[in-house]
Amino acid sequence: LDHSISRINEAFRAAIEKLEYQNTYRGVFPIKV
C-alpha cells in the first residue's frame, strides 16, 4: 500500500519535472474504494 502511494506521487513528480510543468501534484484517496 505504501509503495503504491509512492509510485503515483513519484510518477507525477517525474512527469512535472521532465516537462517543466509550473505547479505541483496532490493525490487524494477516495474513501469509498
PDB file of all heavy atoms in Angstrom:
ATOM      1  N   LEU A   1       0.835  -1.193   0.000  1.00  0.00           N
ATOM      2  CA  LEU A   1       0.000   0.000   0.000  1.00  0.00           C
ATOM      3  C   LEU A   1       0.878   1.255   0.000  1.00  0.00           C
ATOM      4  O   LEU A   1       0.649   2.193  -0.789  1.00  0.00           O
ATOM      5  CB  LEU A   1      -0.919  -0.014   1.222  1.00  0.00           C
ATOM      6  CG  LEU A   1      -1.881   1.161   1.389  1.00  0.00           C
ATOM      7  CD1 LEU A   1      -2.757   1.333   0.160  1.00  0.00           C
ATOM      8  CD2 LEU A   1      -2.737   0.963   2.632  1.00  0.00           C
ATOM      9  N   ASP A   2       1.895   1.258   0.849  1.00  0.00           N
ATOM     10  CA  ASP A   2       2.810   2.396   0.888  1.00  0.00           C
ATOM     11  C   ASP A   2       3.494   2.599  -0.461  1.00  0.00           C
ATOM     12  O   ASP A   2       3.620   3.736  -0.945  1.00  0.00           O
ATOM     13  CB  ASP A   2       3.888   2.165   1.961  1.00  0.00           C
ATOM     14  CG  ASP A   2       3.311   2.092   3.370  1.00  0.00           C
ATOM     15  OD1 ASP A   2       2.128   2.429   3.550  1.00  0.00           O
ATOM     16  OD2 ASP A   2       4.048   1.680   4.281  1.00  0.00           O
ATOM     17  N   HIS A   3       3.930   1.499  -1.058  1.00  0.00           N
ATOM     18  CA  HIS A   3       4.661   1.608  -2.331  1.00  0.00           C
ATOM     19  C   HIS A   3       3.763   2.134  -3.440  1.00  0.00           C
ATOM     20  O   HIS A   3       4.219   2.900  -4.307  1.00  0.00           O
ATOM     21  CB  HIS A   3       5.240   0.252  -2.720  1.00  0.00           C
ATOM     22  CG  HIS A   3       6.248   0.328  -3.816  1.00  0.00           C
ATOM     23  ND1 HIS A   3       5.991  -0.087  -5.104  1.00  0.00           N
ATOM     24  CD2 HIS A   3       7.530   0.798  -3.823  1.00  0.00           C
ATOM     25  CE1 HIS A   3       7.050   0.118  -5.863  1.00  0.00           C
ATOM     26  NE2 HIS A   3       8.004   0.642  -5.120  1.00  0.00           N
ATOM     27  N   SER A   4       2.491   1.745  -3.442  1.00  0.00           N
ATOM     28  CA  SER A   4       1.558   2.249  -4.458  1.00  0.00           C
ATOM     29  C   SER A   4       1.379   3.755  -4.329  1.00  0.00           C
ATOM     30  O   SER A   4       1.311   4.472  -5.338  1.00  0.00           O
ATOM     31  CB  SER A   4       0.206   1.542  -4.324  1.00  0.00           C
ATOM     32  OG  SER A   4       0.307   0.181  -4.674  1.00  0.00           O
ATOM     33  N   ILE A   5       1.294   4.246  -3.094  1.00  0.00           N
ATOM     34  CA  ILE A   5       1.169   5.694  -2.887  1.00  0.00           C
ATOM     35  C   ILE A   5       2.421   6.397  -3.396  1.00  0.00           C
ATOM     36  O   ILE A   5       2.341   7.430  -4.080  1.00  0.00           O
ATOM     37  CB  ILE A   5       0.950   5.997  -1.393  1.00  0.00           C
ATOM     38  CG1 ILE A   5      -0.392   5.419  -0.929  1.00  0.00           C
ATOM     39  CG2 ILE A   5       0.985   7.504  -1.131  1.00  0.00           C
ATOM     40  CD1 ILE A   5      -0.588   5.447   0.569  1.00  0.00           C
ATOM     41  N   SER A   6       3.584   5.841  -3.083  1.00  0.00           N
ATOM     42  CA  SER A   6       4.849   6.425  -3.554  1.00  0.00           C
ATOM     43  C   SER A   6       4.907   6.456  -5.075  1.00  0.00           C
ATOM     44  O   SER A   6       5.308   7.465  -5.684  1.00  0.00           O
ATOM     45  CB  SER A   6       6.044   5.638  -3.015  1.00  0.00           C
ATOM     46  OG  SER A   6       6.176   5.791  -1.629  1.00  0.00           O
ATOM     47  N   ARG A   7       4.523   5.348  -5.707  1.00  0.00           N
ATOM     48  CA  ARG A   7       4.624   5.244  -7.165  1.00  0.00           C
ATOM     49  C   ARG A   7       3.796   6.322  -7.857  1.00  0.00           C
ATOM     50  O   ARG A   7       4.253   6.958  -8.822  1.00  0.00           O
ATOM     51  CB  ARG A   7       4.186   3.862  -7.643  1.00  0.00           C
ATOM     52  CG  ARG A   7       5.185   2.753  -7.348  1.00  0.00           C
ATOM     53  CD  ARG A   7       4.724   1.428  -7.939  1.00  0.00           C
ATOM     54  NE  ARG A   7       4.786   1.429  -9.397  1.00  0.00           N
ATOM     55  CZ  ARG A   7       3.735   1.385 -10.197  1.00  0.00           C
ATOM     56  NH1 ARG A   7       2.516   1.341  -9.697  1.00  0.00           N
ATOM     57  NH2 ARG A   7       3.884   1.385 -11.505  1.00  0.00           N
ATOM     58  N   ILE A   8       2.580   6.535  -7.392  1.00  0.00           N
ATOM     59  CA  ILE A   8       1.719   7.531  -8.025  1.00  0.00           C
ATOM     60  C   ILE A   8       2.293   8.931  -7.853  1.00  0.00           C
ATOM     61  O   ILE A   8       2.385   9.720  -8.814  1.00  0.00           O
ATOM     62  CB  ILE A   8       0.294   7.441  -7.442  1.00  0.00           C
ATOM     63  CG1 ILE A   8      -0.376   6.128  -7.866  1.00  0.00           C
ATOM     64  CG2 ILE A   8      -0.553   8.636  -7.891  1.00  0.00           C
ATOM     65  CD1 ILE A   8      -1.696   5.852  -7.169  1.00  0.00           C
ATOM     66  N   ASN A   9       2.698   9.250  -6.641  1.00  0.00           N
ATOM     67  CA  ASN A   9       3.238  10.589  -6.389  1.00  0.00           C
ATOM     68  C   ASN A   9       4.555  10.813  -7.109  1.00  0.00           C
ATOM     69  O   ASN A   9       4.784  11.890  -7.687  1.00  0.00           O
ATOM     70  CB  ASN A   9       3.400  10.800  -4.885  1.00  0.00           C
ATOM     71  CG  ASN A   9       2.099  11.126  -4.189  1.00  0.00           C
ATOM     72  OD1 ASN A   9       1.667  12.274  -4.155  1.00  0.00           O
ATOM     73  ND2 ASN A   9       1.461  10.112  -3.627  1.00  0.00           N
ATOM     74  N   GLU A  10       5.424   9.815  -7.100  1.00  0.00           N
ATOM     75  CA  GLU A  10       6.719   9.972  -7.752  1.00  0.00           C
ATOM     76  C   GLU A  10       6.586  10.017  -9.275  1.00  0.00           C
ATOM     77  O   GLU A  10       7.358  10.716  -9.955  1.00  0.00           O
ATOM     78  CB  GLU A  10       7.660   8.847  -7.338  1.00  0.00           C
ATOM     79  CG  GLU A  10       8.085   8.887  -5.879  1.00  0.00           C
ATOM     80  CD  GLU A  10       8.885  10.131  -5.533  1.00  0.00           C
ATOM     81  OE1 GLU A  10       9.511  10.716  -6.447  1.00  0.00           O
ATOM     82  OE2 GLU A  10       8.884  10.537  -4.357  1.00  0.00           O
ATOM     83  N   ALA A  11       5.616   9.287  -9.815  1.00  0.00           N
ATOM     84  CA  ALA A  11       5.414   9.311 -11.270  1.00  0.00           C
ATOM     85  C   ALA A  11       4.941  10.688 -11.729  1.00  0.00           C
ATOM     86  O   ALA A  11       5.403  11.203 -12.762  1.00  0.00           O
ATOM     87  CB  ALA A  11       4.412   8.237 -11.678  1.00  0.00           C
ATOM     88  N   PHE A  12       4.043  11.306 -10.978  1.00  0.00           N
ATOM     89  CA  PHE A  12       3.609  12.668 -11.334  1.00  0.00           C
ATOM     90  C   PHE A  12       4.751  13.667 -11.123  1.00  0.00           C
ATOM     91  O   PHE A  12       4.934  14.598 -11.926  1.00  0.00           O
ATOM     92  CB  PHE A  12       2.385  13.068 -10.511  1.00  0.00           C
ATOM     93  CG  PHE A  12       1.073  12.785 -11.204  1.00  0.00           C
ATOM     94  CD1 PHE A  12       0.255  11.761 -10.773  1.00  0.00           C
ATOM     95  CD2 PHE A  12       0.670  13.539 -12.293  1.00  0.00           C
ATOM     96  CE1 PHE A  12      -0.955  11.487 -11.408  1.00  0.00           C
ATOM     97  CE2 PHE A  12      -0.541  13.289 -12.940  1.00  0.00           C
ATOM     98  CZ  PHE A  12      -1.344  12.254 -12.498  1.00  0.00           C
ATOM     99  N   ARG A  13       5.518  13.483 -10.040  1.00  0.00           N
ATOM    100  CA  ARG A  13       6.657  14.383  -9.804  1.00  0.00           C
ATOM    101  C   ARG A  13       7.646  14.321 -10.967  1.00  0.00           C
ATOM    102  O   ARG A  13       8.122  15.355 -11.450  1.00  0.00           O
ATOM    103  CB  ARG A  13       7.351  14.003  -8.502  1.00  0.00           C
ATOM    104  CG  ARG A  13       8.519  14.935  -8.132  1.00  0.00           C
ATOM    105  CD  ARG A  13       9.452  14.288  -7.129  1.00  0.00           C
ATOM    106  NE  ARG A  13      10.004  13.036  -7.620  1.00  0.00           N
ATOM    107  CZ  ARG A  13      10.972  12.943  -8.537  1.00  0.00           C
ATOM    108  NH1 ARG A  13      11.488  14.038  -9.068  1.00  0.00           N
ATOM    109  NH2 ARG A  13      11.420  11.766  -8.927  1.00  0.00           N
ATOM    110  N   ALA A  14       7.925  13.102 -11.429  1.00  0.00           N
ATOM    111  CA  ALA A  14       8.874  12.937 -12.533  1.00  0.00           C
ATOM    112  C   ALA A  14       8.332  13.559 -13.821  1.00  0.00           C
ATOM    113  O   ALA A  14       9.091  14.194 -14.582  1.00  0.00           O
ATOM    114  CB  ALA A  14       9.159  11.452 -12.745  1.00  0.00           C
ATOM    115  N   ALA A  15       7.039  13.386 -14.096  1.00  0.00           N
ATOM    116  CA  ALA A  15       6.443  13.965 -15.301  1.00  0.00           C
ATOM    117  C   ALA A  15       6.472  15.487 -15.242  1.00  0.00           C
ATOM    118  O   ALA A  15       6.781  16.163 -16.243  1.00  0.00           O
ATOM    119  CB  ALA A  15       5.006  13.459 -15.458  1.00  0.00           C
ATOM    120  N   ILE A  16       6.169  16.044 -14.077  1.00  0.00           N
ATOM    121  CA  ILE A  16       6.184  17.500 -13.898  1.00  0.00           C
ATOM    122  C   ILE A  16       7.589  18.059 -14.107  1.00  0.00           C
ATOM    123  O   ILE A  16       7.798  19.084 -14.759  1.00  0.00           O
ATOM    124  CB  ILE A  16       5.637  17.849 -12.489  1.00  0.00           C
ATOM    125  CG1 ILE A  16       4.110  17.657 -12.477  1.00  0.00           C
ATOM    126  CG2 ILE A  16       6.013  19.264 -12.079  1.00  0.00           C
ATOM    127  CD1 ILE A  16       3.494  17.740 -11.103  1.00  0.00           C
ATOM    128  N   GLU A  17       8.583  17.352 -13.550  1.00  0.00           N
ATOM    129  CA  GLU A  17       9.979  17.796 -13.700  1.00  0.00           C
ATOM    130  C   GLU A  17      10.455  17.660 -15.137  1.00  0.00           C
ATOM    131  O   GLU A  17      11.090  18.573 -15.679  1.00  0.00           O
ATOM    132  CB  GLU A  17      10.853  16.952 -12.774  1.00  0.00           C
ATOM    133  CG  GLU A  17      12.312  17.359 -12.766  1.00  0.00           C
ATOM    134  CD  GLU A  17      13.126  16.529 -11.782  1.00  0.00           C
ATOM    135  OE1 GLU A  17      12.678  16.391 -10.621  1.00  0.00           O
ATOM    136  OE2 GLU A  17      14.187  16.004 -12.184  1.00  0.00           O
ATOM    137  N   LYS A  18      10.109  16.574 -15.782  1.00  0.00           N
ATOM    138  CA  LYS A  18      10.571  16.336 -17.157  1.00  0.00           C
ATOM    139  C   LYS A  18       9.992  17.366 -18.125  1.00  0.00           C
ATOM    140  O   LYS A  18      10.701  17.873 -19.014  1.00  0.00           O
ATOM    141  CB  LYS A  18      10.167  14.924 -17.596  1.00  0.00           C
ATOM    142  CG  LYS A  18      10.561  14.586 -19.017  1.00  0.00           C
ATOM    143  CD  LYS A  18      10.169  13.162 -19.380  1.00  0.00           C
ATOM    144  CE  LYS A  18      10.585  12.822 -20.811  1.00  0.00           C
ATOM    145  NZ  LYS A  18      10.220  11.423 -21.175  1.00  0.00           N
ATOM    146  N   LEU A  19       8.716  17.708 -17.969  1.00  0.00           N
ATOM    147  CA  LEU A  19       8.048  18.616 -18.903  1.00  0.00           C
ATOM    148  C   LEU A  19       8.094  20.069 -18.437  1.00  0.00           C
ATOM    149  O   LEU A  19       7.542  20.949 -19.103  1.00  0.00           O
ATOM    150  CB  LEU A  19       6.600  18.173 -19.100  1.00  0.00           C
ATOM    151  CG  LEU A  19       6.419  16.782 -19.725  1.00  0.00           C
ATOM    152  CD1 LEU A  19       4.944  16.398 -19.776  1.00  0.00           C
ATOM    153  CD2 LEU A  19       7.015  16.731 -21.124  1.00  0.00           C
ATOM    154  N   GLU A  20       8.714  20.308 -17.275  1.00  0.00           N
ATOM    155  CA  GLU A  20       8.843  21.649 -16.702  1.00  0.00           C
ATOM    156  C   GLU A  20       7.481  22.291 -16.459  1.00  0.00           C
ATOM    157  O   GLU A  20       7.239  23.469 -16.748  1.00  0.00           O
ATOM    158  CB  GLU A  20       9.711  22.538 -17.601  1.00  0.00           C
ATOM    159  CG  GLU A  20      11.126  22.007 -17.751  1.00  0.00           C
ATOM    160  CD  GLU A  20      12.023  22.910 -18.582  1.00  0.00           C
ATOM    161  OE1 GLU A  20      11.526  23.929 -19.115  1.00  0.00           O
ATOM    162  OE2 GLU A  20      13.212  22.601 -18.702  1.00  0.00           O
ATOM    163  N   TYR A  21       6.603  21.498 -15.926  1.00  0.00           N
ATOM    164  CA  TYR A  21       5.272  21.983 -15.529  1.00  0.00           C
ATOM    165  C   TYR A  21       5.438  22.914 -14.334  1.00  0.00           C
ATOM    166  O   TYR A  21       6.188  22.613 -13.396  1.00  0.00           O
ATOM    167  CB  TYR A  21       4.391  20.784 -15.163  1.00  0.00           C
ATOM    168  CG  TYR A  21       2.933  21.094 -14.925  1.00  0.00           C
ATOM    169  CD1 TYR A  21       2.043  21.204 -15.988  1.00  0.00           C
ATOM    170  CD2 TYR A  21       2.441  21.243 -13.630  1.00  0.00           C
ATOM    171  CE1 TYR A  21       0.697  21.461 -15.766  1.00  0.00           C
ATOM    172  CE2 TYR A  21       1.102  21.512 -13.395  1.00  0.00           C
ATOM    173  CZ  TYR A  21       0.231  21.615 -14.473  1.00  0.00           C
ATOM    174  OH  TYR A  21      -1.108  21.871 -14.246  1.00  0.00           O
ATOM    175  N   GLN A  22       4.732  24.024 -14.336  1.00  0.00           N
ATOM    176  CA  GLN A  22       4.954  25.066 -13.341  1.00  0.00           C
ATOM    177  C   GLN A  22       3.962  24.997 -12.183  1.00  0.00           C
ATOM    178  O   GLN A  22       3.401  26.010 -11.755  1.00  0.00           O
ATOM    179  CB  GLN A  22       4.889  26.437 -14.022  1.00  0.00           C
ATOM    180  CG  GLN A  22       5.929  26.640 -15.105  1.00  0.00           C
ATOM    181  CD  GLN A  22       7.352  26.433 -14.575  1.00  0.00           C
ATOM    182  OE1 GLN A  22       7.765  27.106 -13.631  1.00  0.00           O
ATOM    183  NE2 GLN A  22       8.094  25.510 -15.184  1.00  0.00           N
ATOM    184  N   ASN A  23       3.747  23.822 -11.683  1.00  0.00           N
ATOM    185  CA  ASN A  23       2.950  23.680 -10.464  1.00  0.00           C
ATOM    186  C   ASN A  23       3.185  22.274  -9.912  1.00  0.00           C
ATOM    187  O   ASN A  23       4.100  21.577 -10.363  1.00  0.00           O
ATOM    188  CB  ASN A  23       1.465  23.961 -10.699  1.00  0.00           C
ATOM    189  CG  ASN A  23       0.822  24.660  -9.493  1.00  0.00           C
ATOM    190  OD1 ASN A  23       1.075  24.296  -8.338  1.00  0.00           O
ATOM    191  ND2 ASN A  23       0.009  25.668  -9.754  1.00  0.00           N
ATOM    192  N   THR A  24       2.347  21.837  -9.029  1.00  0.00           N
ATOM    193  CA  THR A  24       2.606  20.590  -8.331  1.00  0.00           C
ATOM    194  C   THR A  24       1.430  19.622  -8.483  1.00  0.00           C
ATOM    195  O   THR A  24       0.420  19.942  -9.114  1.00  0.00           O
ATOM    196  CB  THR A  24       2.871  20.863  -6.833  1.00  0.00           C
ATOM    197  OG1 THR A  24       3.334  19.667  -6.209  1.00  0.00           O
ATOM    198  CG2 THR A  24       1.597  21.329  -6.136  1.00  0.00           C
ATOM    199  N   TYR A  25       1.598  18.447  -7.871  1.00  0.00           N
ATOM    200  CA  TYR A  25       0.552  17.404  -7.877  1.00  0.00           C
ATOM    201  C   TYR A  25       0.154  17.096  -6.450  1.00  0.00           C
ATOM    202  O   TYR A  25       1.002  17.069  -5.541  1.00  0.00           O
ATOM    203  CB  TYR A  25       1.074  16.138  -8.554  1.00  0.00           C
ATOM    204  CG  TYR A  25       0.203  14.915  -8.298  1.00  0.00           C
ATOM    205  CD1 TYR A  25      -0.989  14.728  -8.995  1.00  0.00           C
ATOM    206  CD2 TYR A  25       0.575  13.961  -7.348  1.00  0.00           C
ATOM    207  CE1 TYR A  25      -1.787  13.623  -8.757  1.00  0.00           C
ATOM    208  CE2 TYR A  25      -0.217  12.852  -7.112  1.00  0.00           C
ATOM    209  CZ  TYR A  25      -1.403  12.689  -7.807  1.00  0.00           C
ATOM    210  OH  TYR A  25      -2.193  11.603  -7.561  1.00  0.00           O
ATOM    211  N   ARG A  26      -1.132  16.848  -6.249  1.00  0.00           N
ATOM    212  CA  ARG A  26      -1.646  16.392  -4.971  1.00  0.00           C
ATOM    213  C   ARG A  26      -2.614  15.228  -5.217  1.00  0.00           C
ATOM    214  O   ARG A  26      -3.588  15.374  -5.968  1.00  0.00           O
ATOM    215  CB  ARG A  26      -2.387  17.507  -4.234  1.00  0.00           C
ATOM    216  CG  ARG A  26      -1.497  18.575  -3.657  1.00  0.00           C
ATOM    217  CD  ARG A  26      -0.743  18.074  -2.435  1.00  0.00           C
ATOM    218  NE  ARG A  26      -0.005  19.147  -1.794  1.00  0.00           N
ATOM    219  CZ  ARG A  26       1.237  19.479  -2.085  1.00  0.00           C
ATOM    220  NH1 ARG A  26       1.881  18.809  -3.031  1.00  0.00           N
ATOM    221  NH2 ARG A  26       1.846  20.461  -1.456  1.00  0.00           N
ATOM    222  N   GLY A  27      -2.335  14.108  -4.598  1.00  0.00           N
ATOM    223  CA  GLY A  27      -3.237  12.967  -4.711  1.00  0.00           C
ATOM    224  C   GLY A  27      -4.241  12.958  -3.573  1.00  0.00           C
ATOM    225  O   GLY A  27      -3.952  13.412  -2.461  1.00  0.00           O
ATOM    226  N   VAL A  28      -5.418  12.468  -3.841  1.00  0.00           N
ATOM    227  CA  VAL A  28      -6.418  12.227  -2.790  1.00  0.00           C
ATOM    228  C   VAL A  28      -6.981  10.825  -2.989  1.00  0.00           C
ATOM    229  O   VAL A  28      -7.233  10.398  -4.115  1.00  0.00           O
ATOM    230  CB  VAL A  28      -7.559  13.275  -2.779  1.00  0.00           C
ATOM    231  CG1 VAL A  28      -7.038  14.658  -2.473  1.00  0.00           C
ATOM    232  CG2 VAL A  28      -8.323  13.279  -4.097  1.00  0.00           C
ATOM    233  N   PHE A  29      -7.148  10.108  -1.904  1.00  0.00           N
ATOM    234  CA  PHE A  29      -7.682   8.748  -1.973  1.00  0.00           C
ATOM    235  C   PHE A  29      -9.182   8.780  -1.728  1.00  0.00           C
ATOM    236  O   PHE A  29      -9.637   9.297  -0.705  1.00  0.00           O
ATOM    237  CB  PHE A  29      -7.007   7.854  -0.932  1.00  0.00           C
ATOM    238  CG  PHE A  29      -7.618   6.473  -0.847  1.00  0.00           C
ATOM    239  CD1 PHE A  29      -7.410   5.546  -1.850  1.00  0.00           C
ATOM    240  CD2 PHE A  29      -8.431   6.121   0.226  1.00  0.00           C
ATOM    241  CE1 PHE A  29      -7.987   4.285  -1.787  1.00  0.00           C
ATOM    242  CE2 PHE A  29      -9.005   4.864   0.307  1.00  0.00           C
ATOM    243  CZ  PHE A  29      -8.794   3.936  -0.709  1.00  0.00           C
ATOM    244  N   PRO A  30      -9.984   8.212  -2.654  1.00  0.00           N
ATOM    245  CA  PRO A  30     -11.441   8.165  -2.454  1.00  0.00           C
ATOM    246  C   PRO A  30     -11.780   7.110  -1.400  1.00  0.00           C
ATOM    247  O   PRO A  30     -11.580   5.909  -1.620  1.00  0.00           O
ATOM    248  CB  PRO A  30     -11.990   7.751  -3.830  1.00  0.00           C
ATOM    249  CG  PRO A  30     -10.832   7.785  -4.770  1.00  0.00           C
ATOM    250  CD  PRO A  30      -9.597   7.626  -3.944  1.00  0.00           C
ATOM    251  N   ILE A  31     -12.292   7.542  -0.271  1.00  0.00           N
ATOM    252  CA  ILE A  31     -12.519   6.636   0.848  1.00  0.00           C
ATOM    253  C   ILE A  31     -13.473   5.515   0.470  1.00  0.00           C
ATOM    254  O   ILE A  31     -13.364   4.391   0.977  1.00  0.00           O
ATOM    255  CB  ILE A  31     -13.043   7.429   2.066  1.00  0.00           C
ATOM    256  CG1 ILE A  31     -11.967   8.415   2.539  1.00  0.00           C
ATOM    257  CG2 ILE A  31     -13.418   6.501   3.216  1.00  0.00           C
ATOM    258  CD1 ILE A  31     -12.416   9.349   3.648  1.00  0.00           C
ATOM    259  N   LYS A  32     -14.389   5.769  -0.455  1.00  0.00           N
ATOM    260  CA  LYS A  32     -15.378   4.745  -0.828  1.00  0.00           C
ATOM    261  C   LYS A  32     -14.735   3.485  -1.400  1.00  0.00           C
ATOM    262  O   LYS A  32     -15.323   2.407  -1.367  1.00  0.00           O
ATOM    263  CB  LYS A  32     -16.370   5.296  -1.858  1.00  0.00           C
ATOM    264  CG  LYS A  32     -15.768   5.643  -3.207  1.00  0.00           C
ATOM    265  CD  LYS A  32     -16.831   6.085  -4.194  1.00  0.00           C
ATOM    266  CE  LYS A  32     -16.222   6.502  -5.531  1.00  0.00           C
ATOM    267  NZ  LYS A  32     -15.469   7.767  -5.429  1.00  0.00           N
ATOM    268  N   VAL A  33     -13.526   3.599  -1.923  1.00  0.00           N
ATOM    269  CA  VAL A  33     -12.875   2.457  -2.559  1.00  0.00           C
ATOM    270  C   VAL A  33     -12.485   1.397  -1.529  1.00  0.00           C
ATOM    271  O   VAL A  33     -12.541   0.205  -1.805  1.00  0.00           O
ATOM    272  CB  VAL A  33     -11.652   2.918  -3.367  1.00  0.00           C
ATOM    273  CG1 VAL A  33     -10.896   1.736  -3.970  1.00  0.00           C
ATOM    274  CG2 VAL A  33     -12.091   3.880  -4.467  1.00  0.00           C
TER     275      VAL A  33
END
